[in-house]
């Protein structure tokens, strides 16, 4: 059989690590082929080899039966291969249109034809149902919108072999449904897709075959129709995985976080939080459920000191922390796992060890007379790297060299280790594999059981339902309902998230 893509015995090494250890991947024409593996298993590396960003030490690549030498992404583009990266390759202060056409600009009389570019972008947006504002700057649009821009960039260049690297990690449930439909439409048009994902549910929904890699080695390729979520998870992590969150009933105590009549604007001066009230108690996990863009980000920014509220109060254990600066909020007893790990979670060009100590480096024993004590810092970092299973060659490795999931585990190690009174977990498992998700969920429940208050903000309804004790539904910047997690379901939450009302006396099924 002729495959559209054949990668044979690919070996890729980095200092201190073999990322791909003789992996073979064969993709058929017109299929959606999943590439599944834990964080740091080597999936993105393998696809970066296919896209020409890395050169392999060994192995060969065939495209449509012809042996090729993909020396850089331009060669990949010429071969009809396009890649939607997990960590967006966008110029922050360019517009949506400028990013999409970058490197392939339409020219008229020696100048960029902006009118044609805008029309081409609008046509592709309409064709694939990927609505974007062509004139918006990247720095002012949501993560979900940035993801759409990445997809449009690939389609604009006419790729017929598409690599999607964790494309749904940043999307809302509704956007995920739309993306799945888009992928199906692309296949109908004769395109082939390689989908890197941790989400087994999506593989079961949309993929034809699945290749599993574990710690850099190929484990095997299976037909999805003949597999189950459990069998794929076991192939991926090498052991049985529990999908249910193992927790006892909560025993909530005193109020730790009290938010009253909060009003917050976004960076454009638009009112995003409008009179929001919320209490979170010690010993409970409150999940915030809502469609992206309903004020979740601004609520977190206000609590953590990243964005001063226009009106209202925020109290932590009875103390007013409204408008405190981020460090003062942190020192008051707040831990923050941010939703955008690159923008607010890490300094990518610092080492893993330095990042793990970002909240405490200025305190003893890590600083003495204003001088950092690196041996003590790295001792502590090594302990947390081991405890949280952060897969890194060393604590001195730069944070940007880690896979997304391992970057996330480093942030979680830093924030949870301090055992803050209030732990804010925003999209804590975005882009993580099932083994890591199981671990993070366990840590959040442990914090709850130690008597901490946990505020979980997630676009994953499954996560909110499984992990929360109570669920606060946010709509247009207000908490419109608080429901018991055990007595609600996705249907009721979906209705409330869309602005629907809960019927009086209606049983919570």
Protein backbone atom coordinates (compact mmCIF):
# COMPACT_ATOMS: atom_id res chain seq x y z
CA UNK A 1 0.00 0.00 0.00
CA UNK A 2 1.19 3.52 -0.77
CA UNK A 3 1.12 5.79 2.25
CA UNK A 4 0.82 9.57 1.97
CA UNK A 5 3.45 9.86 4.74
CA UNK A 6 6.03 7.28 5.77
CA UNK A 7 8.55 7.96 8.51
CA UNK A 8 10.87 4.97 8.87
CA UNK A 9 13.08 4.33 11.92
CA UNK A 10 13.39 8.00 12.85
CA UNK A 11 15.96 8.74 15.55
CA UNK A 12 16.27 12.24 17.02
CA UNK A 13 18.61 13.10 19.90
CA UNK A 14 19.08 16.16 22.06
CA UNK A 15 21.82 16.64 24.69
CA UNK A 16 21.15 14.04 27.39
CA UNK A 17 18.01 12.61 25.80
CA UNK A 18 16.86 10.41 22.90
CA UNK A 19 13.53 12.01 21.96
CA UNK A 20 12.69 9.60 19.12
CA UNK A 21 14.20 6.11 19.30
CA UNK A 22 13.74 4.48 15.86
CA UNK A 23 10.04 5.35 15.45
CA UNK A 24 8.03 4.36 12.38
CA UNK A 25 4.82 6.19 11.40
CA UNK A 26 2.73 5.38 8.33
CA UNK A 27 -0.25 7.56 7.40
CA UNK A 28 -2.81 6.57 4.75
CA UNK A 29 -4.27 9.02 2.26
CA UNK A 30 -7.55 10.52 3.52
CA UNK A 31 -7.35 9.33 7.12
CA UNK A 32 -7.18 11.08 10.47
CA UNK A 33 -4.25 9.39 12.18
CA UNK A 34 -3.77 9.99 15.92
CA UNK A 35 -0.33 10.24 17.48
CA UNK A 36 -0.73 9.41 21.16
CA UNK A 37 1.77 9.49 24.02
CA UNK A 38 2.51 10.99 27.40
CA UNK A 39 3.96 14.47 27.81
CA UNK A 40 7.57 14.32 26.69
CA UNK A 41 7.07 11.00 24.86
CA UNK A 42 8.43 12.56 21.65
CA UNK A 43 5.26 13.23 19.63
CA UNK A 44 5.89 16.91 18.87
CA UNK A 45 9.57 16.16 18.16
CA UNK A 46 8.58 13.54 15.59
CA UNK A 47 6.23 15.99 13.89
CA UNK A 48 8.86 18.75 14.00
CA UNK A 49 11.12 16.34 12.07
CA UNK A 50 8.35 15.83 9.49
CA UNK A 51 7.84 19.61 9.24
CA UNK A 52 11.57 20.27 8.76
CA UNK A 53 12.19 22.08 12.05
CA UNK A 54 14.55 19.30 13.20
CA UNK A 55 16.86 17.04 11.22
CA UNK A 56 16.90 13.38 12.35
CA UNK A 57 20.13 11.56 13.18
CA UNK A 58 18.78 8.46 11.41
CA UNK A 59 15.83 7.27 9.33
CA UNK A 60 14.07 8.37 6.16
CA UNK A 61 10.84 10.07 5.15
CA UNK A 62 8.63 9.37 2.13
CA UNK A 63 5.82 11.64 0.97
CA UNK A 64 3.36 10.02 -1.45
CA UNK A 65 5.87 7.19 -2.00
CA UNK A 66 8.79 9.50 -2.90
CA UNK A 67 11.81 9.71 -0.59
CA UNK A 68 12.30 13.33 0.47
CA UNK A 69 14.79 15.44 2.41
CA UNK A 70 12.83 18.00 4.44
CA UNK A 71 15.55 20.48 5.37
CA UNK A 72 13.25 23.27 6.56
CA UNK A 73 9.53 24.21 6.83
CA UNK A 74 9.54 25.82 3.37
CA UNK A 75 10.34 22.40 1.87
CA UNK A 76 7.49 20.91 3.97
CA UNK A 77 5.10 23.62 2.70
CA UNK A 78 6.14 22.92 -0.91
CA UNK A 79 5.35 19.22 -0.30
CA UNK A 80 1.86 20.23 0.92
CA UNK A 81 2.61 19.62 4.62
CA UNK A 82 1.27 22.18 7.07
CA UNK A 83 1.62 22.22 10.87
CA UNK A 84 -0.56 23.81 13.52
CA UNK A 85 1.77 24.12 16.51
CA UNK A 86 0.74 23.59 20.12
CA UNK A 87 2.62 26.71 21.20
CA UNK A 88 1.49 29.31 18.74
CA UNK A 89 3.97 30.68 16.20
CA UNK A 90 2.32 34.10 15.99
CA UNK A 91 3.64 37.67 15.97
CA UNK A 92 1.85 39.27 18.92
CA UNK A 93 1.65 42.84 17.58
CA UNK A 94 0.63 41.85 14.03
CA UNK A 95 -3.02 41.56 13.02
CA UNK A 96 -4.77 38.26 12.33
CA UNK A 97 -4.49 38.84 8.57
CA UNK A 98 -0.81 39.84 8.73
CA UNK A 99 -0.02 36.61 10.63
CA UNK A 100 -1.94 34.40 8.20
CA UNK A 101 -0.26 35.81 5.06
CA UNK A 102 3.22 36.17 6.59
CA UNK A 103 5.74 34.81 4.09
CA UNK A 104 3.06 34.30 1.40
CA UNK A 105 1.81 37.86 0.96
CA UNK A 106 -0.21 38.74 -2.16
CA UNK A 107 1.59 41.56 -3.99
CA UNK A 108 0.20 44.27 -6.30
CA UNK A 109 2.48 46.81 -7.98
CA UNK A 110 5.33 45.90 -5.66
CA UNK A 111 3.29 46.35 -2.48
CA UNK A 112 1.35 43.97 -0.26
CA UNK A 113 -2.23 43.84 -1.51
CA UNK A 114 -3.99 44.20 1.85
CA UNK A 115 -7.45 44.21 0.29
CA UNK A 116 -6.87 40.87 -1.47
CA UNK A 117 -5.26 39.43 1.68
CA UNK A 118 -8.26 40.40 3.82
CA UNK A 119 -10.66 38.94 1.24
CA UNK A 120 -8.70 35.66 0.98
CA UNK A 121 -8.64 35.32 4.77
CA UNK A 122 -12.37 36.07 5.01
CA UNK A 123 -13.14 33.49 2.27
CA UNK A 124 -11.15 30.74 4.02
CA UNK A 125 -12.68 31.68 7.39
CA UNK A 126 -16.18 31.34 5.93
CA UNK A 127 -15.37 28.13 4.03
CA UNK A 128 -14.19 26.31 7.17
CA UNK A 129 -16.41 28.02 9.75
CA UNK A 130 -13.40 29.57 11.53
CA UNK A 131 -14.71 33.02 12.38
CA UNK A 132 -11.98 35.53 13.22
CA UNK A 133 -11.67 39.31 13.26
CA UNK A 134 -9.12 39.86 10.45
CA UNK A 135 -8.04 43.26 11.83
CA UNK A 136 -7.61 42.29 15.51
CA UNK A 137 -4.09 42.18 16.93
CA UNK A 138 -2.98 38.76 18.21
CA UNK A 139 -2.10 40.19 21.66
CA UNK A 140 -5.75 41.25 22.13
CA UNK A 141 -7.53 38.00 21.20
CA UNK A 142 -8.26 34.89 23.25
CA UNK A 143 -6.20 31.69 23.19
CA UNK A 144 -9.07 29.98 21.31
CA UNK A 145 -9.02 32.66 18.62
CA UNK A 146 -5.23 32.42 18.29
CA UNK A 147 -5.66 28.70 17.68
CA UNK A 148 -8.03 29.46 14.80
CA UNK A 149 -5.44 31.80 13.28
CA UNK A 150 -2.87 28.97 13.36
CA UNK A 151 -5.29 26.66 11.54
CA UNK A 152 -6.12 29.35 8.97
CA UNK A 153 -2.39 29.96 8.33
CA UNK A 154 -2.04 26.32 7.26
CA UNK A 155 -5.18 26.32 5.10
CA UNK A 156 -4.14 29.60 3.45
CA UNK A 157 -0.97 27.90 2.20
CA UNK A 158 -3.01 25.11 0.61
CA UNK A 159 -1.61 22.22 2.64
CA UNK A 160 -3.21 18.82 2.01
CA UNK A 161 -1.33 16.95 4.77
CA UNK A 162 -2.13 18.70 8.04
CA UNK A 163 -0.39 18.15 11.37
CA UNK A 164 -2.46 19.29 14.34
CA UNK A 165 -0.37 19.45 17.54
CA UNK A 166 -2.81 19.45 20.47
CA UNK A 167 -5.29 21.61 18.53
CA UNK A 168 -8.10 21.36 21.09
CA UNK A 169 -6.02 22.06 24.21
CA UNK A 170 -7.12 25.70 24.21
CA UNK A 171 -10.64 25.39 22.82
CA UNK A 172 -14.08 25.49 24.45
CA UNK A 173 -16.32 22.38 24.19
CA UNK A 174 -18.32 24.14 21.44
CA UNK A 175 -15.16 25.06 19.50
CA UNK A 176 -13.92 21.47 19.83
CA UNK A 177 -17.16 20.21 18.24
CA UNK A 178 -16.68 22.73 15.42
CA UNK A 179 -13.03 21.71 14.93
CA UNK A 180 -13.96 18.02 14.74
CA UNK A 181 -16.48 18.92 12.03
CA UNK A 182 -13.81 20.96 10.23
CA UNK A 183 -11.42 17.98 10.32
CA UNK A 184 -14.12 15.71 8.89
CA UNK A 185 -14.78 18.26 6.11
CA UNK A 186 -11.05 18.45 5.31
CA UNK A 187 -10.91 14.67 4.94
CA UNK A 188 -13.92 14.80 2.58
CA UNK A 189 -11.88 17.22 0.44
CA UNK A 190 -9.11 14.62 0.16
CA UNK A 191 -6.78 15.95 2.82
CA UNK A 192 -4.96 13.75 5.37
CA UNK A 193 -4.53 14.70 9.03
CA UNK A 194 -2.08 13.69 11.75
CA UNK A 195 -3.59 14.59 15.12
CA UNK A 196 -1.39 14.82 18.21
CA UNK A 197 -3.68 14.73 21.21
CA UNK A 198 -3.96 13.49 24.79
CA UNK A 199 -7.74 13.45 24.64
CA UNK A 200 -8.82 9.85 24.19
CA UNK A 201 -12.45 10.87 23.76
CA UNK A 202 -11.49 12.88 20.65
CA UNK A 203 -9.44 10.01 19.21
CA UNK A 204 -12.46 7.72 19.61
CA UNK A 205 -14.71 10.34 17.98
CA UNK A 206 -12.71 11.31 14.94
CA UNK A 207 -9.63 9.14 14.24
CA UNK A 208 -9.24 6.12 11.97
CA UNK A 209 -5.95 4.76 13.31
CA UNK A 210 -3.68 5.57 16.23
CA UNK A 211 0.08 5.23 16.68
CA UNK A 212 1.22 5.14 20.31
CA UNK A 213 4.68 6.19 21.48
CA UNK A 214 6.02 5.86 25.02
CA UNK A 215 9.24 7.48 26.27
CA UNK A 216 10.53 7.94 22.73
CA UNK A 217 9.80 4.41 21.47
CA UNK A 218 7.04 3.26 19.12
CA UNK A 219 4.60 0.94 20.92
CA UNK A 220 2.32 0.13 17.97
CA UNK A 221 -0.44 1.26 15.60
CA UNK A 222 -4.05 0.18 16.15
CA UNK A 223 -7.42 0.67 14.46
CA UNK A 224 -9.44 3.03 16.64
CA UNK A 225 -12.71 1.20 15.92
CA UNK A 226 -11.21 -1.93 17.52
CA UNK A 227 -9.87 -0.06 20.59
CA UNK A 228 -11.26 1.44 23.80
CA UNK A 229 -10.22 4.53 25.76
CA UNK A 230 -8.84 2.22 28.46
CA UNK A 231 -6.80 0.09 26.07
CA UNK A 232 -5.27 3.21 24.45
CA UNK A 233 -4.52 4.74 27.86
CA UNK A 234 -2.79 1.54 28.96
CA UNK A 235 -0.67 1.46 25.78
CA UNK A 236 0.26 5.09 26.38
CA UNK A 237 1.36 4.97 30.03
CA UNK A 238 2.22 1.28 30.38
CA UNK A 239 -0.24 0.65 33.20
CA UNK A 240 -3.95 0.78 33.94
CA UNK A 241 -5.31 4.32 34.33
CA UNK A 242 -8.23 5.40 36.53
CA UNK A 243 -10.49 7.92 34.82
CA UNK A 244 -12.75 8.60 37.81
CA UNK A 245 -11.50 11.10 40.40
CA UNK A 246 -11.11 9.22 43.67
CA UNK A 247 -12.41 11.49 46.44
CA UNK A 248 -14.61 11.44 49.51
CA UNK A 249 -17.35 14.00 50.17
CA UNK A 250 -16.08 17.45 51.08
CA UNK A 251 -16.28 18.87 54.61
CA UNK A 252 -16.30 22.61 53.93
CA UNK A 253 -15.38 24.90 56.83
CA UNK A 254 -14.84 28.66 57.05
CA UNK A 255 -14.96 30.98 54.02
CA UNK A 256 -11.42 31.54 52.66
CA UNK A 257 -12.18 33.58 49.52
CA UNK A 258 -15.05 36.05 49.49
CA UNK A 259 -15.72 38.07 46.34
CA UNK A 260 -18.44 40.73 46.59
CA UNK A 261 -20.02 42.82 43.80
CA UNK A 262 -16.88 42.56 41.65
CA UNK A 263 -16.60 44.59 38.43
CA UNK A 264 -13.55 44.10 36.19
CA UNK A 265 -12.64 45.39 32.73
CA UNK A 266 -10.39 43.69 30.19
CA UNK A 267 -7.35 45.28 28.52
CA UNK A 268 -9.61 47.09 26.03
CA UNK A 269 -11.69 48.69 28.79
CA UNK A 270 -14.70 46.41 28.16
CA UNK A 271 -16.72 45.36 31.24
CA UNK A 272 -16.17 41.59 31.58
CA UNK A 273 -17.07 40.92 35.24
CA UNK A 274 -20.34 42.57 36.25
CA UNK A 275 -21.31 42.43 39.93
CA UNK A 276 -19.95 38.94 40.59
CA UNK A 277 -20.35 37.33 44.03
CA UNK A 278 -18.60 34.11 45.08
CA UNK A 279 -17.48 32.42 48.30
CA UNK A 280 -15.00 29.52 48.41
CA UNK A 281 -14.61 27.62 51.69
CA UNK A 282 -11.73 25.74 53.23
CA UNK A 283 -11.91 22.04 52.36
CA UNK A 284 -13.87 22.34 49.12
CA UNK A 285 -13.24 22.58 45.39
CA UNK A 286 -15.47 25.06 43.62
CA UNK A 287 -15.45 24.68 39.85
CA UNK A 288 -16.26 27.64 37.62
CA UNK A 289 -18.03 26.48 34.44
CA UNK A 290 -18.64 28.77 31.50
CA UNK A 291 -18.06 29.33 27.82
CA UNK A 292 -14.72 31.07 27.24
CA UNK A 293 -14.95 34.85 27.28
CA UNK A 294 -17.59 35.20 30.01
CA UNK A 295 -15.26 36.85 32.54
CA UNK A 296 -13.33 33.85 33.89
CA UNK A 297 -9.92 35.29 32.95
CA UNK A 298 -10.72 38.72 34.39
CA UNK A 299 -12.03 37.17 37.63
CA UNK A 300 -8.75 35.29 38.12
CA UNK A 301 -6.68 38.36 37.17
CA UNK A 302 -8.53 40.44 39.77
CA UNK A 303 -8.07 37.89 42.57
CA UNK A 304 -4.37 37.36 41.79
CA UNK A 305 -3.53 41.06 41.48
CA UNK A 306 -2.90 41.05 37.72
CA UNK A 307 -5.82 43.40 36.99
CA UNK A 308 -7.21 45.91 39.50
CA UNK A 309 -11.02 45.71 39.72
CA UNK A 310 -13.15 48.75 38.89
CA UNK A 311 -15.44 48.09 41.83
CA UNK A 312 -16.13 45.50 44.55
CA UNK A 313 -14.06 43.69 47.18
CA UNK A 314 -11.95 40.54 47.46
CA UNK A 315 -11.27 39.12 50.94
CA UNK A 316 -8.91 36.27 51.79
CA UNK A 317 -9.50 34.72 55.22
CA UNK A 318 -11.16 37.95 56.30
CA UNK A 319 -8.39 40.27 55.05
CA UNK A 320 -9.05 42.73 52.23
CA UNK A 321 -6.68 41.96 49.32
CA UNK A 322 -8.55 44.01 46.68
CA UNK A 323 -6.07 45.64 44.28
CA UNK A 324 -3.00 44.16 46.03
CA UNK A 325 0.02 43.60 43.78
CA UNK A 326 0.67 39.97 42.68
CA UNK A 327 3.54 39.33 45.13
CA UNK A 328 1.48 40.64 48.06
CA UNK A 329 -1.44 38.42 47.00
CA UNK A 330 0.92 35.43 46.79
CA UNK A 331 2.37 36.16 50.23
CA UNK A 332 -1.16 36.48 51.64
CA UNK A 333 -1.64 32.78 50.85
CA UNK A 334 -2.78 32.46 47.23
CA UNK A 335 -1.36 29.92 44.77
CA UNK A 336 -2.05 30.47 41.07
CA UNK A 337 -1.78 27.90 38.28
CA UNK A 338 -2.32 30.27 35.33
CA UNK A 339 -4.29 29.37 32.23
CA UNK A 340 -1.53 30.56 29.89
CA UNK A 341 1.61 28.84 31.13
CA UNK A 342 3.91 30.81 28.80
CA UNK A 343 2.52 34.28 29.43
CA UNK A 344 2.01 34.08 33.21
CA UNK A 345 3.47 30.77 34.39
CA UNK A 346 7.09 30.56 33.30
CA UNK A 347 10.15 32.54 32.29
CA UNK A 348 11.01 30.32 29.33
CA UNK A 349 14.69 31.26 29.19
CA UNK A 350 15.22 30.54 32.89
CA UNK A 351 16.10 27.00 33.97
CA UNK A 352 13.46 24.57 35.27
CA UNK A 353 15.00 24.96 38.74
CA UNK A 354 14.77 28.76 38.64
CA UNK A 355 11.14 28.57 37.50
CA UNK A 356 10.22 26.19 40.32
CA UNK A 357 11.60 28.73 42.83
CA UNK A 358 10.04 31.85 41.23
CA UNK A 359 7.67 32.42 44.17
CA UNK A 360 10.25 31.90 46.93
CA UNK A 361 13.73 32.66 45.52
CA UNK A 362 13.96 35.94 47.49
CA UNK A 363 13.30 34.21 50.84
CA UNK A 364 15.66 32.26 53.10
CA UNK A 365 17.37 29.80 52.62
CA UNK A 366 17.46 30.60 48.86
CA UNK A 367 18.75 34.16 49.31
CA UNK A 368 21.24 35.53 51.79
CA UNK A 369 22.17 39.24 51.90
CA UNK A 370 20.64 39.70 48.46
CA UNK A 371 22.67 36.89 46.85
CA UNK A 372 20.99 33.78 45.44
CA UNK A 373 22.06 30.47 46.95
CA UNK A 374 21.91 28.30 43.83
CA UNK A 375 22.94 25.00 45.50
CA UNK A 376 19.98 25.33 47.93
CA UNK A 377 17.63 26.38 45.10
CA UNK A 378 18.61 23.45 42.92
CA UNK A 379 18.37 20.99 45.85
CA UNK A 380 14.77 22.08 46.38
CA UNK A 381 14.06 22.01 42.63
CA UNK A 382 15.41 18.45 42.31
CA UNK A 383 13.16 17.31 45.16
CA UNK A 384 10.05 18.78 43.47
CA UNK A 385 11.04 17.54 40.00
CA UNK A 386 11.14 14.02 41.41
CA UNK A 387 7.97 14.37 43.48
CA UNK A 388 5.94 15.77 40.58
CA UNK A 389 7.52 13.56 37.88
CA UNK A 390 8.69 16.52 35.78
CA UNK A 391 10.47 14.85 32.86
CA UNK A 392 13.57 16.97 32.26
CA UNK A 393 17.21 16.06 31.55
CA UNK A 394 18.20 18.24 34.54
CA UNK A 395 17.03 21.05 36.82
CA UNK A 396 19.41 23.27 34.81
CA UNK A 397 17.60 22.64 31.51
CA UNK A 398 15.86 25.72 30.10
CA UNK A 399 12.08 25.68 30.67
CA UNK A 400 11.38 26.21 26.96
CA UNK A 401 13.05 22.86 26.15
CA UNK A 402 10.38 20.90 28.08
CA UNK A 403 7.16 19.56 26.58
CA UNK A 404 4.02 21.54 27.41
CA UNK A 405 2.84 18.99 29.96
CA UNK A 406 6.15 18.96 31.81
CA UNK A 407 6.18 22.76 31.87
CA UNK A 408 2.71 22.55 33.47
CA UNK A 409 3.88 20.02 36.06
CA UNK A 410 6.74 22.35 37.03
CA UNK A 411 4.25 25.20 37.62
CA UNK A 412 1.95 22.95 39.64
CA UNK A 413 4.91 21.75 41.74
CA UNK A 414 5.82 25.37 42.51
CA UNK A 415 2.29 26.47 43.44
CA UNK A 416 1.07 23.40 45.33
CA UNK A 417 4.28 22.89 47.30
CA UNK A 418 3.69 26.16 49.19
CA UNK A 419 0.28 24.77 50.31
CA UNK A 420 -1.48 28.15 49.99
CA UNK A 421 -4.80 28.80 51.77
CA UNK A 422 -6.40 29.38 48.37
CA UNK A 423 -5.25 27.52 45.26
CA UNK A 424 -6.53 28.90 41.96
CA UNK A 425 -6.21 26.28 39.25
CA UNK A 426 -7.00 27.71 35.80
CA UNK A 427 -7.02 25.07 33.04
CA UNK A 428 -4.65 22.98 35.22
CA UNK A 429 -4.61 19.99 32.86
CA UNK A 430 -4.67 21.80 29.50
CA UNK A 431 -2.51 19.75 27.12
CA UNK A 432 -1.73 17.00 29.64
CA UNK A 433 -1.93 13.26 29.08
CA UNK A 434 -4.22 10.96 31.06
CA UNK A 435 -1.47 9.83 33.43
CA UNK A 436 -0.53 13.43 34.26
CA UNK A 437 -4.19 14.48 34.56
CA UNK A 438 -4.78 11.67 37.07
CA UNK A 439 -1.76 12.92 39.08
CA UNK A 440 -2.82 16.63 39.02
CA UNK A 441 -6.40 15.78 40.03
CA UNK A 442 -5.04 13.74 42.95
CA UNK A 443 -2.90 16.72 44.06
CA UNK A 444 -5.87 19.12 43.94
CA UNK A 445 -8.02 16.74 45.98
CA UNK A 446 -5.14 16.33 48.49
CA UNK A 447 -5.01 20.12 48.91
CA UNK A 448 -8.76 20.17 49.52
CA UNK A 449 -8.43 17.37 52.08
CA UNK A 450 -5.70 19.34 53.88
CA UNK A 451 -8.31 22.04 54.42
CA UNK A 452 -7.31 24.35 51.59
CA UNK A 453 -9.80 26.19 49.41
CA UNK A 454 -9.51 25.32 45.71
CA UNK A 455 -10.98 27.43 42.91
CA UNK A 456 -10.95 25.44 39.67
CA UNK A 457 -11.58 27.25 36.39
CA UNK A 458 -11.74 24.89 33.44
CA UNK A 459 -13.32 24.72 30.00
CA UNK A 460 -13.40 20.91 30.31
CA UNK A 461 -16.89 20.11 31.59
CA UNK A 462 -15.82 16.55 32.46
CA UNK A 463 -13.07 17.96 34.66
CA UNK A 464 -15.39 20.44 36.39
CA UNK A 465 -17.99 17.72 37.05
CA UNK A 466 -15.49 15.11 38.27
CA UNK A 467 -13.35 17.33 40.45
CA UNK A 468 -15.68 19.94 41.95
CA UNK A 469 -17.80 19.71 45.07
CA UNK A 470 -19.90 22.69 43.98
CA UNK A 471 -20.06 24.28 40.52
CA UNK A 472 -20.51 28.02 39.96
CA UNK A 473 -21.78 28.81 36.46
CA UNK A 474 -20.49 32.09 35.01
CA UNK A 475 -22.39 33.89 32.27
CA UNK A 476 -21.70 37.43 31.01
CA UNK A 477 -19.51 38.18 34.02
CA UNK A 478 -21.92 37.01 36.72
CA UNK A 479 -22.36 33.79 38.69
CA UNK A 480 -25.86 32.81 37.52
CA UNK A 481 -26.17 29.57 39.52
CA UNK A 482 -24.29 27.42 42.02
CA UNK A 483 -25.14 23.74 41.80
CA UNK A 484 -24.07 20.61 43.64
CA UNK A 485 -21.66 18.68 41.38
CA UNK A 486 -23.18 15.32 42.35
CA UNK A 487 -26.70 16.31 41.36
CA UNK A 488 -26.12 18.06 38.03
CA UNK A 489 -25.05 16.96 34.56
CA UNK A 490 -23.54 18.28 31.33
CA UNK A 491 -26.95 19.07 29.87
CA UNK A 492 -28.02 21.27 32.77
CA UNK A 493 -24.63 22.99 32.97
CA UNK A 494 -24.67 23.59 29.20
CA UNK A 495 -28.09 25.26 29.48
CA UNK A 496 -26.94 27.50 32.35
CA UNK A 497 -23.66 28.33 30.56
CA UNK A 498 -25.69 29.53 27.57
CA UNK A 499 -27.71 31.88 29.79
CA UNK A 500 -30.69 29.56 30.32
CA UNK A 501 -32.55 29.48 33.62
CA UNK A 502 -32.87 26.56 36.01
CA UNK A 503 -36.55 25.72 36.42
CA UNK A 504 -37.87 26.27 39.93
CA UNK A 505 -38.38 22.93 41.63
CA UNK A 506 -36.85 21.10 38.68
CA UNK A 507 -34.99 18.01 39.89
CA UNK A 508 -31.24 18.06 39.30
CA UNK A 509 -30.75 14.79 37.49
